[in-house]
Protein backbone atom coordinates (compact mmCIF):
# COMPACT_ATOMS: atom_id res chain seq x y z
CA MET A 1 -21.20 -79.34 68.36
CA ARG A 2 -18.13 -77.92 70.02
CA ASN A 3 -15.03 -76.88 68.10
CA SER A 4 -11.90 -77.74 70.16
CA THR A 5 -9.71 -75.24 68.28
CA ALA A 6 -12.04 -72.41 69.26
CA THR A 7 -11.88 -73.58 72.89
CA ILE A 8 -8.06 -73.32 72.86
CA ILE A 9 -8.17 -69.81 71.43
CA ILE A 10 -10.80 -68.70 73.97
CA THR A 11 -8.69 -70.12 76.79
CA SER A 12 -5.58 -68.43 75.37
CA SER A 13 -7.38 -65.13 75.19
CA LEU A 14 -7.07 -64.75 78.94
CA LEU A 15 -3.31 -64.34 78.48
CA ILE A 16 -3.39 -61.79 75.62
CA SER A 17 -5.31 -58.62 74.97
CA GLY A 18 -9.04 -58.87 74.25
CA PHE A 19 -8.67 -57.23 70.85
CA ILE A 20 -6.09 -59.66 69.50
CA ALA A 21 -8.00 -62.64 70.85
CA SER A 22 -11.29 -61.52 69.39
CA GLN A 23 -9.63 -60.98 65.98
CA ALA A 24 -8.08 -64.45 66.09
CA LEU A 25 -11.34 -66.06 67.18
CA SER A 26 -13.26 -64.25 64.46
CA SER A 27 -10.76 -65.32 61.82
CA LEU A 28 -10.79 -68.92 63.04
CA ALA A 29 -14.60 -69.00 63.15
CA ASP A 30 -14.81 -67.74 59.56
CA HIS A 31 -12.31 -70.38 58.40
CA SER A 32 -13.96 -73.13 60.44
CA VAL A 33 -17.42 -72.41 59.01
CA ALA A 34 -16.12 -72.29 55.44
CA SER A 35 -14.25 -75.56 55.75
CA SER A 36 -16.60 -77.60 57.91
CA GLY A 37 -19.98 -76.36 56.71
CA SER A 38 -21.17 -76.21 60.32
CA ILE A 39 -23.61 -73.37 59.64
CA SER A 40 -26.88 -74.43 58.03
CA GLN A 41 -26.93 -74.41 54.24
CA SER A 42 -29.84 -71.93 54.17
CA THR A 43 -27.57 -69.24 55.63
CA TYR A 44 -25.53 -69.18 52.42
CA THR A 45 -28.17 -70.22 49.87
CA LYS A 46 -29.35 -67.45 47.59
CA PRO A 47 -33.07 -66.68 47.79
CA ILE A 48 -35.45 -68.36 45.39
CA THR A 49 -36.56 -65.93 42.69
CA ALA A 50 -38.75 -66.13 39.61
CA SER A 51 -37.42 -65.69 36.10
CA LYS A 52 -40.94 -65.72 34.62
CA ALA A 53 -44.44 -65.47 36.06
CA GLU A 54 -47.63 -65.58 34.03
CA PHE A 55 -51.36 -65.85 34.53
CA GLY A 56 -53.91 -67.24 32.10
CA VAL A 57 -56.47 -69.85 31.18
CA LEU A 58 -55.90 -73.57 30.72
CA ARG A 59 -57.92 -75.38 28.09
CA ILE A 60 -57.90 -79.17 28.14
CA ASN A 61 -58.41 -80.90 24.79
CA PRO A 62 -60.24 -84.25 24.36
CA LYS A 63 -56.91 -86.10 24.68
CA GLY A 64 -56.40 -84.57 28.14
CA GLN A 65 -53.60 -82.26 27.04
CA GLY A 66 -53.59 -78.72 28.37
CA LYS A 67 -52.95 -75.53 26.44
CA PHE A 68 -52.06 -72.47 28.51
CA THR A 69 -52.99 -69.05 27.13
CA PRO A 70 -51.73 -65.96 28.97
CA THR A 71 -54.45 -63.37 29.63
CA THR A 72 -55.79 -61.03 32.30
CA ARG A 73 -59.43 -61.46 31.21
CA VAL A 74 -61.18 -64.71 32.06
CA VAL A 75 -64.68 -65.60 30.86
CA LEU A 76 -66.66 -67.19 33.69
CA TYR A 77 -68.12 -70.58 32.72
CA LYS A 78 -68.60 -73.88 34.52
CA GLY A 79 -65.51 -76.06 34.25
CA GLY A 80 -63.23 -73.29 32.95
CA LYS A 81 -59.71 -73.29 34.40
CA TYR A 82 -57.51 -70.34 35.18
CA GLY A 83 -54.35 -69.88 37.17
CA TRP A 84 -50.65 -69.16 37.16
CA ARG A 85 -47.32 -70.68 36.26
CA ILE A 86 -44.00 -69.51 37.57
CA GLN A 87 -40.50 -70.42 36.45
CA LEU A 88 -38.12 -70.34 39.40
CA LYS A 89 -34.65 -69.16 38.46
CA ASP A 90 -31.96 -71.88 38.61
CA TYR A 91 -33.98 -74.07 40.97
CA LYS A 92 -34.54 -77.79 41.26
CA GLY A 93 -35.93 -79.66 44.25
CA LYS A 94 -38.60 -79.43 46.89
CA VAL A 95 -40.32 -76.06 47.23
CA THR A 96 -43.23 -74.84 49.32
CA TRP A 97 -45.32 -72.07 47.84
CA ARG A 98 -48.18 -70.07 49.34
CA GLU A 99 -50.95 -68.53 47.25
CA VAL A 100 -53.14 -65.68 48.52
CA PHE A 101 -56.26 -65.44 46.34
CA ARG A 102 -58.61 -62.45 46.77
CA LEU A 103 -62.03 -62.21 45.12
CA PRO A 104 -64.34 -59.17 44.89
CA LYS A 105 -66.94 -61.03 46.97
CA ALA A 106 -67.29 -64.43 48.56
CA PRO A 107 -68.17 -67.32 46.21
CA GLU A 108 -70.94 -69.76 47.09
CA THR A 109 -68.30 -72.44 47.82
CA TRP A 110 -64.52 -72.85 48.16
CA ALA A 111 -62.85 -76.20 47.54
CA THR A 112 -59.42 -77.68 46.72
CA ASP A 113 -58.10 -81.08 45.74
CA ASP A 114 -57.34 -83.55 48.52
CA GLY A 115 -54.16 -82.96 50.47
CA GLU A 116 -54.00 -79.21 49.97
CA THR A 117 -54.06 -76.72 52.79
CA LEU A 118 -56.72 -74.02 52.40
CA SER A 119 -57.68 -71.35 54.90
CA LEU A 120 -60.32 -68.69 54.41
CA SER A 121 -60.71 -65.15 55.70
CA ALA A 122 -63.67 -64.48 58.00
CA ASP A 123 -65.59 -62.74 55.19
CA GLY A 124 -64.85 -65.54 52.70
CA VAL A 125 -63.27 -63.31 50.04
CA GLU A 126 -59.68 -64.44 50.58
CA ALA A 127 -58.22 -67.94 50.51
CA VAL A 128 -54.68 -69.01 51.31
CA THR A 129 -53.42 -72.24 49.77
CA THR A 130 -50.09 -73.81 50.72
CA ARG A 131 -48.51 -76.66 48.80
CA THR A 132 -45.14 -78.40 48.80
CA VAL A 133 -44.02 -79.84 45.47
CA PHE A 134 -40.89 -81.24 43.87
CA THR A 135 -39.78 -79.60 40.64
CA ASN A 136 -37.16 -80.96 38.25
CA ASP A 137 -37.22 -77.88 36.05
CA GLY A 138 -38.14 -75.01 38.41
CA LYS A 139 -41.75 -74.75 37.21
CA ILE A 140 -44.57 -74.38 39.74
CA GLU A 141 -48.23 -73.74 38.96
CA ASN A 142 -51.76 -73.75 40.30
CA PHE A 143 -55.12 -73.66 38.54
CA TRP A 144 -58.67 -73.12 39.76
CA THR A 145 -61.80 -74.60 38.17
CA MET A 146 -64.86 -72.37 37.88
CA VAL A 147 -68.12 -73.56 39.40
CA PRO A 148 -71.61 -72.04 39.58
CA GLY A 149 -71.69 -69.30 42.21
CA ASP A 150 -68.19 -67.97 41.47
CA PRO A 151 -68.21 -64.16 41.30
CA GLY A 152 -67.17 -62.03 38.37
CA GLY A 153 -65.09 -58.89 38.79
CA LYS A 154 -61.55 -58.00 39.76
CA HIS A 155 -59.50 -60.81 41.30
CA GLN A 156 -55.95 -60.95 42.62
CA ILE A 157 -53.51 -63.79 43.26
CA LYS A 158 -50.15 -63.36 45.00
CA VAL A 159 -47.66 -66.24 45.19
CA TYR A 160 -44.88 -66.48 47.78
CA VAL A 161 -41.89 -68.77 48.22
CA ASP A 162 -40.01 -68.45 51.52
CA ASN A 163 -42.22 -65.43 52.33
CA ARG A 164 -40.83 -63.70 49.23
CA LEU A 165 -43.33 -62.53 46.60
CA VAL A 166 -42.52 -64.36 43.34
CA GLY A 167 -45.69 -63.58 41.39
CA SER A 168 -48.61 -61.14 41.55
CA PHE A 169 -51.55 -61.33 39.18
CA ASP A 170 -54.49 -58.93 38.84
CA PHE A 171 -57.19 -60.19 36.50
CA ASP A 172 -60.85 -59.73 35.60
CA VAL A 173 -63.39 -62.54 35.59
CA ILE A 174 -66.16 -61.65 33.17
CA SER A 175 -69.63 -63.07 33.53
CA LEU A 176 -71.62 -63.32 30.32
CA ARG A 177 -74.82 -63.55 32.36
CA ASN A 178 -76.49 -60.33 33.53
């Protein structure tokens, strides 16, 4: 979109010194942007940050209600759930997060729920999941369900919003089988 006031000042600048014209144009541009909002909102929006990030296990009771317990040690068993929750600071609305999940060795299988984007590294030890969600309260989360063939050992999950790291979790998955 063209701003006619800026066009007049640019045209006038031919008659006055370059310094004065550039100062006037700069001042007008600053005022025009502030009053018209012609620059995209993201230019002036503060970055999304986390006020709290935690990792743990999720236990589902017979009524289907989940209880989250923070921990960095996860016992490996079929059907067990572990993952993260992050509270975004002063945020409400649509948000896209990206999770980078690194295992000590490749599992027998990788899978996600329908509609999720999952890409794997060539060696199968790293998965990247991307999801867009709407949050009313700034909370985002993701949980994984253990299946036979999942490896024990040191794991790492990093979570990004707008390519900014908002959570990093190092944890141990402990196999009770030898």
